[in-house]
Amino acid sequence: MPPFKGVPGRLAVELNPVDAAGNPTKKRGVLLRSSDELAEYRKLLEDERLGSLLKNIDGLSPRPVKKEEAKLDIIEI
């Protein structure tokens, strides 16, 4: 990461899930700058309340609708 407001440049890891084609699914992922940050995220993700909350959100949110590809009608003469 480039230097910013007196903080020197440093390396970071960006976590961003990909789709079946290998393209990122989000514009920005989660940036991890240290192993301490990773440990904090692990604590958050392992909290059973998060899973329960997301299940409730799944139940309230509409399911994504898959777009059907236009089918070409073929006429044989």
PDB file of N, CA and C in Angstrom:
ATOM      1  N   MET A   1       0.845  -1.155   0.000  1.00  0.00           N
ATOM      2  CA  MET A   1       0.000   0.000   0.000  1.00  0.00           C
ATOM      3  C   MET A   1       0.901   1.232   0.000  1.00  0.00           C
ATOM      4  N   PRO A   2       0.511   2.240  -0.724  1.00  0.00           N
ATOM      5  CA  PRO A   2       1.347   3.438  -0.803  1.00  0.00           C
ATOM      6  C   PRO A   2       1.338   4.216   0.516  1.00  0.00           C
ATOM      7  N   PRO A   3       2.361   5.036   0.727  1.00  0.00           N
ATOM      8  CA  PRO A   3       2.380   5.863   1.941  1.00  0.00           C
ATOM      9  C   PRO A   3       1.162   6.793   1.967  1.00  0.00           C
ATOM     10  N   PHE A   4       0.658   7.073   3.185  1.00  0.00           N
ATOM     11  CA  PHE A   4      -0.520   7.919   3.318  1.00  0.00           C
ATOM     12  C   PHE A   4      -0.467   8.667   4.643  1.00  0.00           C
ATOM     13  N   LYS A   5      -0.503   9.968   4.591  1.00  0.00           N
ATOM     14  CA  LYS A   5      -0.537  10.841   5.773  1.00  0.00           C
ATOM     15  C   LYS A   5       0.491  10.439   6.830  1.00  0.00           C
ATOM     16  N   GLY A   6       1.726  10.309   6.426  1.00  0.00           N
ATOM     17  CA  GLY A   6       2.799  10.008   7.362  1.00  0.00           C
ATOM     18  C   GLY A   6       2.997   8.539   7.669  1.00  0.00           C
ATOM     19  N   VAL A   7       2.094   7.672   7.209  1.00  0.00           N
ATOM     20  CA  VAL A   7       2.250   6.230   7.414  1.00  0.00           C
ATOM     21  C   VAL A   7       3.060   5.690   6.237  1.00  0.00           C
ATOM     22  N   PRO A   8       4.166   4.994   6.500  1.00  0.00           N
ATOM     23  CA  PRO A   8       4.990   4.491   5.399  1.00  0.00           C
ATOM     24  C   PRO A   8       4.267   3.430   4.569  1.00  0.00           C
ATOM     25  N   GLY A   9       4.708   3.256   3.334  1.00  0.00           N
ATOM     26  CA  GLY A   9       4.142   2.225   2.478  1.00  0.00           C
ATOM     27  C   GLY A   9       4.372   0.844   3.072  1.00  0.00           C
ATOM     28  N   ARG A  10       3.443  -0.077   2.825  1.00  0.00           N
ATOM     29  CA  ARG A  10       3.601  -1.436   3.343  1.00  0.00           C
ATOM     30  C   ARG A  10       2.779  -2.413   2.512  1.00  0.00           C
ATOM     31  N   LEU A  11       3.039  -3.687   2.728  1.00  0.00           N
ATOM     32  CA  LEU A  11       2.329  -4.737   2.007  1.00  0.00           C
ATOM     33  C   LEU A  11       1.026  -5.085   2.722  1.00  0.00           C
ATOM     34  N   ALA A  12       0.051  -5.538   1.951  1.00  0.00           N
ATOM     35  CA  ALA A  12      -1.233  -5.970   2.509  1.00  0.00           C
ATOM     36  C   ALA A  12      -1.776  -7.095   1.637  1.00  0.00           C
ATOM     37  N   VAL A  13      -2.721  -7.838   2.181  1.00  0.00           N
ATOM     38  CA  VAL A  13      -3.396  -8.914   1.452  1.00  0.00           C
ATOM     39  C   VAL A  13      -4.856  -8.500   1.301  1.00  0.00           C
ATOM     40  N   GLU A  14      -5.390  -8.624   0.070  1.00  0.00           N
ATOM     41  CA  GLU A  14      -6.799  -8.334  -0.156  1.00  0.00           C
ATOM     42  C   GLU A  14      -7.536  -9.642  -0.375  1.00  0.00           C
ATOM     43  N   LEU A  15      -8.578  -9.870   0.427  1.00  0.00           N
ATOM     44  CA  LEU A  15      -9.419 -11.055   0.282  1.00  0.00           C
ATOM     45  C   LEU A  15     -10.662 -10.649  -0.478  1.00  0.00           C
ATOM     46  N   ASN A  16     -10.882 -11.293  -1.632  1.00  0.00           N
ATOM     47  CA  ASN A  16     -12.030 -10.974  -2.462  1.00  0.00           C
ATOM     48  C   ASN A  16     -12.479 -12.254  -3.156  1.00  0.00           C
ATOM     49  N   PRO A  17     -13.674 -12.751  -2.820  1.00  0.00           N
ATOM     50  CA  PRO A  17     -14.139 -13.993  -3.445  1.00  0.00           C
ATOM     51  C   PRO A  17     -14.283 -13.845  -4.954  1.00  0.00           C
ATOM     52  N   VAL A  18     -14.161 -14.967  -5.650  1.00  0.00           N
ATOM     53  CA  VAL A  18     -14.285 -14.960  -7.107  1.00  0.00           C
ATOM     54  C   VAL A  18     -15.460 -15.844  -7.527  1.00  0.00           C
ATOM     55  N   ASP A  19     -15.967 -15.591  -8.735  1.00  0.00           N
ATOM     56  CA  ASP A  19     -17.054 -16.419  -9.264  1.00  0.00           C
ATOM     57  C   ASP A  19     -16.474 -17.618  -9.998  1.00  0.00           C
ATOM     58  N   ALA A  20     -17.320 -18.380 -10.667  1.00  0.00           N
ATOM     59  CA  ALA A  20     -16.880 -19.600 -11.359  1.00  0.00           C
ATOM     60  C   ALA A  20     -15.859 -19.315 -12.447  1.00  0.00           C
ATOM     61  N   ALA A  21     -15.907 -18.110 -13.028  1.00  0.00           N
ATOM     62  CA  ALA A  21     -14.969 -17.741 -14.093  1.00  0.00           C
ATOM     63  C   ALA A  21     -13.670 -17.155 -13.549  1.00  0.00           C
ATOM     64  N   GLY A  22     -13.587 -16.999 -12.229  1.00  0.00           N
ATOM     65  CA  GLY A  22     -12.378 -16.449 -11.624  1.00  0.00           C
ATOM     66  C   GLY A  22     -12.385 -14.934 -11.517  1.00  0.00           C
ATOM     67  N   ASN A  23     -13.513 -14.298 -11.787  1.00  0.00           N
ATOM     68  CA  ASN A  23     -13.612 -12.839 -11.690  1.00  0.00           C
ATOM     69  C   ASN A  23     -14.010 -12.437 -10.271  1.00  0.00           C
ATOM     70  N   PRO A  24     -13.440 -11.325  -9.749  1.00  0.00           N
ATOM     71  CA  PRO A  24     -13.816 -10.875  -8.406  1.00  0.00           C
ATOM     72  C   PRO A  24     -15.307 -10.598  -8.317  1.00  0.00           C
ATOM     73  N   THR A  25     -15.915 -10.959  -7.185  1.00  0.00           N
ATOM     74  CA  THR A  25     -17.349 -10.744  -7.012  1.00  0.00           C
ATOM     75  C   THR A  25     -17.656  -9.395  -6.370  1.00  0.00           C
ATOM     76  N   LYS A  26     -16.662  -8.743  -5.823  1.00  0.00           N
ATOM     77  CA  LYS A  26     -16.835  -7.443  -5.185  1.00  0.00           C
ATOM     78  C   LYS A  26     -15.875  -6.444  -5.820  1.00  0.00           C
ATOM     79  N   LYS A  27     -16.235  -5.158  -5.740  1.00  0.00           N
ATOM     80  CA  LYS A  27     -15.317  -4.133  -6.246  1.00  0.00           C
ATOM     81  C   LYS A  27     -14.081  -4.049  -5.365  1.00  0.00           C
ATOM     82  N   ARG A  28     -14.297  -4.159  -4.060  1.00  0.00           N
ATOM     83  CA  ARG A  28     -13.188  -4.136  -3.111  1.00  0.00           C
ATOM     84  C   ARG A  28     -13.340  -5.289  -2.144  1.00  0.00           C
ATOM     85  N   GLY A  29     -12.230  -5.884  -1.810  1.00  0.00           N
ATOM     86  CA  GLY A  29     -12.242  -6.956  -0.841  1.00  0.00           C
ATOM     87  C   GLY A  29     -11.869  -6.430   0.534  1.00  0.00           C
ATOM     88  N   VAL A  30     -11.560  -7.336   1.430  1.00  0.00           N
ATOM     89  CA  VAL A  30     -11.130  -6.984   2.777  1.00  0.00           C
ATOM     90  C   VAL A  30      -9.609  -6.924   2.772  1.00  0.00           C
ATOM     91  N   LEU A  31      -9.046  -5.802   3.221  1.00  0.00           N
ATOM     92  CA  LEU A  31      -7.598  -5.660   3.281  1.00  0.00           C
ATOM     93  C   LEU A  31      -7.092  -6.072   4.649  1.00  0.00           C
ATOM     94  N   LEU A  32      -6.109  -6.949   4.665  1.00  0.00           N
ATOM     95  CA  LEU A  32      -5.463  -7.382   5.900  1.00  0.00           C
ATOM     96  C   LEU A  32      -4.024  -6.902   5.864  1.00  0.00           C
ATOM     97  N   ARG A  33      -3.650  -6.150   6.887  1.00  0.00           N
ATOM     98  CA  ARG A  33      -2.310  -5.569   6.922  1.00  0.00           C
ATOM     99  C   ARG A  33      -1.368  -6.279   7.888  1.00  0.00           C
ATOM    100  N   SER A  34      -1.934  -7.155   8.732  1.00  0.00           N
ATOM    101  CA  SER A  34      -1.081  -7.850   9.702  1.00  0.00           C
ATOM    102  C   SER A  34      -1.763  -9.138  10.159  1.00  0.00           C
ATOM    103  N   SER A  35      -0.996  -9.978  10.811  1.00  0.00           N
ATOM    104  CA  SER A  35      -1.564 -11.222  11.348  1.00  0.00           C
ATOM    105  C   SER A  35      -2.507 -10.920  12.511  1.00  0.00           C
ATOM    106  N   ASP A  36      -2.306  -9.800  13.206  1.00  0.00           N
ATOM    107  CA  ASP A  36      -3.230  -9.409  14.281  1.00  0.00           C
ATOM    108  C   ASP A  36      -4.610  -9.092  13.713  1.00  0.00           C
ATOM    109  N   GLU A  37      -4.660  -8.399  12.569  1.00  0.00           N
ATOM    110  CA  GLU A  37      -5.944  -8.112  11.928  1.00  0.00           C
ATOM    111  C   GLU A  37      -6.636  -9.402  11.508  1.00  0.00           C
ATOM    112  N   LEU A  38      -5.874 -10.349  10.976  1.00  0.00           N
ATOM    113  CA  LEU A  38      -6.431 -11.643  10.591  1.00  0.00           C
ATOM    114  C   LEU A  38      -7.043 -12.336  11.806  1.00  0.00           C
ATOM    115  N   ALA A  39      -6.365 -12.309  12.933  1.00  0.00           N
ATOM    116  CA  ALA A  39      -6.879 -12.936  14.152  1.00  0.00           C
ATOM    117  C   ALA A  39      -8.192 -12.285  14.584  1.00  0.00           C
ATOM    118  N   GLU A  40      -8.293 -10.973  14.470  1.00  0.00           N
ATOM    119  CA  GLU A  40      -9.525 -10.278  14.839  1.00  0.00           C
ATOM    120  C   GLU A  40     -10.680 -10.670  13.906  1.00  0.00           C
ATOM    121  N   TYR A  41     -10.408 -10.748  12.604  1.00  0.00           N
ATOM    122  CA  TYR A  41     -11.450 -11.169  11.656  1.00  0.00           C
ATOM    123  C   TYR A  41     -11.874 -12.608  11.922  1.00  0.00           C
ATOM    124  N   ARG A  42     -10.937 -13.471  12.259  1.00  0.00           N
ATOM    125  CA  ARG A  42     -11.282 -14.862  12.564  1.00  0.00           C
ATOM    126  C   ARG A  42     -12.231 -14.931  13.756  1.00  0.00           C
ATOM    127  N   LYS A  43     -11.960 -14.125  14.786  1.00  0.00           N
ATOM    128  CA  LYS A  43     -12.857 -14.098  15.952  1.00  0.00           C
ATOM    129  C   LYS A  43     -14.260 -13.691  15.530  1.00  0.00           C
ATOM    130  N   LEU A  44     -14.350 -12.669  14.689  1.00  0.00           N
ATOM    131  CA  LEU A  44     -15.655 -12.203  14.232  1.00  0.00           C
ATOM    132  C   LEU A  44     -16.380 -13.269  13.417  1.00  0.00           C
ATOM    133  N   LEU A  45     -15.670 -13.907  12.495  1.00  0.00           N
ATOM    134  CA  LEU A  45     -16.294 -14.884  11.609  1.00  0.00           C
ATOM    135  C   LEU A  45     -16.681 -16.168  12.327  1.00  0.00           C
ATOM    136  N   GLU A  46     -15.995 -16.504  13.405  1.00  0.00           N
ATOM    137  CA  GLU A  46     -16.295 -17.728  14.144  1.00  0.00           C
ATOM    138  C   GLU A  46     -17.397 -17.536  15.177  1.00  0.00           C
ATOM    139  N   ASP A  47     -17.828 -16.307  15.405  1.00  0.00           N
ATOM    140  CA  ASP A  47     -18.887 -16.029  16.379  1.00  0.00           C
ATOM    141  C   ASP A  47     -20.191 -16.630  15.864  1.00  0.00           C
ATOM    142  N   GLU A  48     -20.813 -17.512  16.646  1.00  0.00           N
ATOM    143  CA  GLU A  48     -22.021 -18.205  16.199  1.00  0.00           C
ATOM    144  C   GLU A  48     -23.180 -17.242  15.973  1.00  0.00           C
ATOM    145  N   ARG A  49     -23.155 -16.089  16.618  1.00  0.00           N
ATOM    146  CA  ARG A  49     -24.233 -15.112  16.436  1.00  0.00           C
ATOM    147  C   ARG A  49     -24.238 -14.558  15.011  1.00  0.00           C
ATOM    148  N   LEU A  50     -23.065 -14.474  14.386  1.00  0.00           N
ATOM    149  CA  LEU A  50     -22.988 -13.985  13.011  1.00  0.00           C
ATOM    150  C   LEU A  50     -23.712 -14.945  12.077  1.00  0.00           C
ATOM    151  N   GLY A  51     -23.499 -16.235  12.228  1.00  0.00           N
ATOM    152  CA  GLY A  51     -24.181 -17.232  11.400  1.00  0.00           C
ATOM    153  C   GLY A  51     -25.684 -17.161  11.574  1.00  0.00           C
ATOM    154  N   SER A  52     -26.132 -17.016  12.811  1.00  0.00           N
ATOM    155  CA  SER A  52     -27.557 -16.907  13.091  1.00  0.00           C
ATOM    156  C   SER A  52     -28.147 -15.652  12.462  1.00  0.00           C
ATOM    157  N   LEU A  53     -27.448 -14.553  12.587  1.00  0.00           N
ATOM    158  CA  LEU A  53     -27.904 -13.301  11.986  1.00  0.00           C
ATOM    159  C   LEU A  53     -28.035 -13.419  10.478  1.00  0.00           C
ATOM    160  N   LEU A  54     -27.033 -14.007   9.826  1.00  0.00           N
ATOM    161  CA  LEU A  54     -27.066 -14.137   8.370  1.00  0.00           C
ATOM    162  C   LEU A  54     -28.157 -15.101   7.903  1.00  0.00           C
ATOM    163  N   LYS A  55     -28.463 -16.138   8.683  1.00  0.00           N
ATOM    164  CA  LYS A  55     -29.573 -17.030   8.331  1.00  0.00           C
ATOM    165  C   LYS A  55     -30.893 -16.275   8.369  1.00  0.00           C
ATOM    166  N   ASN A  56     -31.056 -15.418   9.383  1.00  0.00           N
ATOM    167  CA  ASN A  56     -32.266 -14.597   9.465  1.00  0.00           C
ATOM    168  C   ASN A  56     -32.355 -13.629   8.287  1.00  0.00           C
ATOM    169  N   ILE A  57     -31.236 -13.043   7.910  1.00  0.00           N
ATOM    170  CA  ILE A  57     -31.212 -12.137   6.759  1.00  0.00           C
ATOM    171  C   ILE A  57     -31.549 -12.895   5.483  1.00  0.00           C
ATOM    172  N   ASP A  58     -31.016 -14.121   5.336  1.00  0.00           N
ATOM    173  CA  ASP A  58     -31.338 -14.948   4.167  1.00  0.00           C
ATOM    174  C   ASP A  58     -32.842 -15.188   4.067  1.00  0.00           C
ATOM    175  N   GLY A  59     -33.472 -15.418   5.210  1.00  0.00           N
ATOM    176  CA  GLY A  59     -34.904 -15.669   5.220  1.00  0.00           C
ATOM    177  C   GLY A  59     -35.732 -14.453   4.830  1.00  0.00           C
ATOM    178  N   LEU A  60     -35.211 -13.267   5.088  1.00  0.00           N
ATOM    179  CA  LEU A  60     -35.932 -12.036   4.782  1.00  0.00           C
ATOM    180  C   LEU A  60     -35.629 -11.494   3.384  1.00  0.00           C
ATOM    181  N   SER A  61     -34.474 -11.817   2.874  1.00  0.00           N
ATOM    182  CA  SER A  61     -34.052 -11.276   1.577  1.00  0.00           C
ATOM    183  C   SER A  61     -34.626 -12.085   0.428  1.00  0.00           C
ATOM    184  N   PRO A  62     -35.032 -11.419  -0.642  1.00  0.00           N
ATOM    185  CA  PRO A  62     -35.505 -12.170  -1.811  1.00  0.00           C
ATOM    186  C   PRO A  62     -34.349 -12.926  -2.460  1.00  0.00           C
ATOM    187  N   ARG A  63     -34.671 -14.055  -3.029  1.00  0.00           N
ATOM    188  CA  ARG A  63     -33.661 -14.862  -3.719  1.00  0.00           C
ATOM    189  C   ARG A  63     -33.278 -14.184  -5.030  1.00  0.00           C
ATOM    190  N   PRO A  64     -32.002 -14.243  -5.414  1.00  0.00           N
ATOM    191  CA  PRO A  64     -31.609 -13.667  -6.706  1.00  0.00           C
ATOM    192  C   PRO A  64     -32.268 -14.425  -7.862  1.00  0.00           C
ATOM    193  N   VAL A  65     -32.695 -13.694  -8.848  1.00  0.00           N
ATOM    194  CA  VAL A  65     -33.351 -14.292 -10.005  1.00  0.00           C
ATOM    195  C   VAL A  65     -32.301 -14.494 -11.089  1.00  0.00           C
ATOM    196  N   LYS A  66     -32.224 -15.722 -11.576  1.00  0.00           N
ATOM    197  CA  LYS A  66     -31.273 -16.011 -12.648  1.00  0.00           C
ATOM    198  C   LYS A  66     -31.873 -15.558 -13.965  1.00  0.00           C
ATOM    199  N   LYS A  67     -31.057 -14.875 -14.744  1.00  0.00           N
ATOM    200  CA  LYS A  67     -31.513 -14.420 -16.058  1.00  0.00           C
ATOM    201  C   LYS A  67     -31.443 -15.589 -17.036  1.00  0.00           C
ATOM    202  N   GLU A  68     -32.534 -15.772 -17.751  1.00  0.00           N
ATOM    203  CA  GLU A  68     -32.547 -16.837 -18.750  1.00  0.00           C
ATOM    204  C   GLU A  68     -32.009 -16.280 -20.058  1.00  0.00           C
ATOM    205  N   GLU A  69     -31.214 -17.088 -20.721  1.00  0.00           N
ATOM    206  CA  GLU A  69     -30.676 -16.670 -22.013  1.00  0.00           C
ATOM    207  C   GLU A  69     -31.781 -16.739 -23.064  1.00  0.00           C
ATOM    208  N   ALA A  70     -31.770 -15.767 -23.951  1.00  0.00           N
ATOM    209  CA  ALA A  70     -32.772 -15.765 -25.017  1.00  0.00           C
ATOM    210  C   ALA A  70     -32.519 -16.964 -25.927  1.00  0.00           C
ATOM    211  N   LYS A  71     -33.579 -17.722 -26.168  1.00  0.00           N
ATOM    212  CA  LYS A  71     -33.455 -18.895 -27.024  1.00  0.00           C
ATOM    213  C   LYS A  71     -33.777 -18.483 -28.460  1.00  0.00           C
ATOM    214  N   LEU A  72     -32.934 -18.911 -29.343  1.00  0.00           N
ATOM    215  CA  LEU A  72     -33.146 -18.608 -30.758  1.00  0.00           C
ATOM    216  C   LEU A  72     -34.065 -19.667 -31.368  1.00  0.00           C
ATOM    217  N   ASP A  73     -35.114 -19.204 -32.005  1.00  0.00           N
ATOM    218  CA  ASP A  73     -35.995 -20.134 -32.706  1.00  0.00           C
ATOM    219  C   ASP A  73     -35.416 -20.423 -34.080  1.00  0.00           C
ATOM    220  N   ILE A  74     -35.317 -21.677 -34.365  1.00  0.00           N
ATOM    221  CA  ILE A  74     -34.785 -22.086 -35.676  1.00  0.00           C
ATOM    222  C   ILE A  74     -35.930 -22.636 -36.502  1.00  0.00           C
ATOM    223  N   ILE A  75     -36.051 -22.098 -37.682  1.00  0.00           N
ATOM    224  CA  ILE A  75     -37.103 -22.569 -38.596  1.00  0.00           C
ATOM    225  C   ILE A  75     -36.406 -23.233 -39.778  1.00  0.00           C
ATOM    226  N   GLU A  76     -36.724 -24.497 -39.996  1.00  0.00           N
ATOM    227  CA  GLU A  76     -36.155 -25.215 -41.139  1.00  0.00           C
ATOM    228  C   GLU A  76     -37.197 -25.296 -42.250  1.00  0.00           C
ATOM    229  N   ILE A  77     -36.764 -25.010 -43.454  1.00  0.00           N
ATOM    230  CA  ILE A  77     -37.678 -25.068 -44.595  1.00  0.00           C
ATOM    231  C   ILE A  77     -37.213 -26.148 -45.545  1.00  0.00           C
TER     232      ILE A  77
END
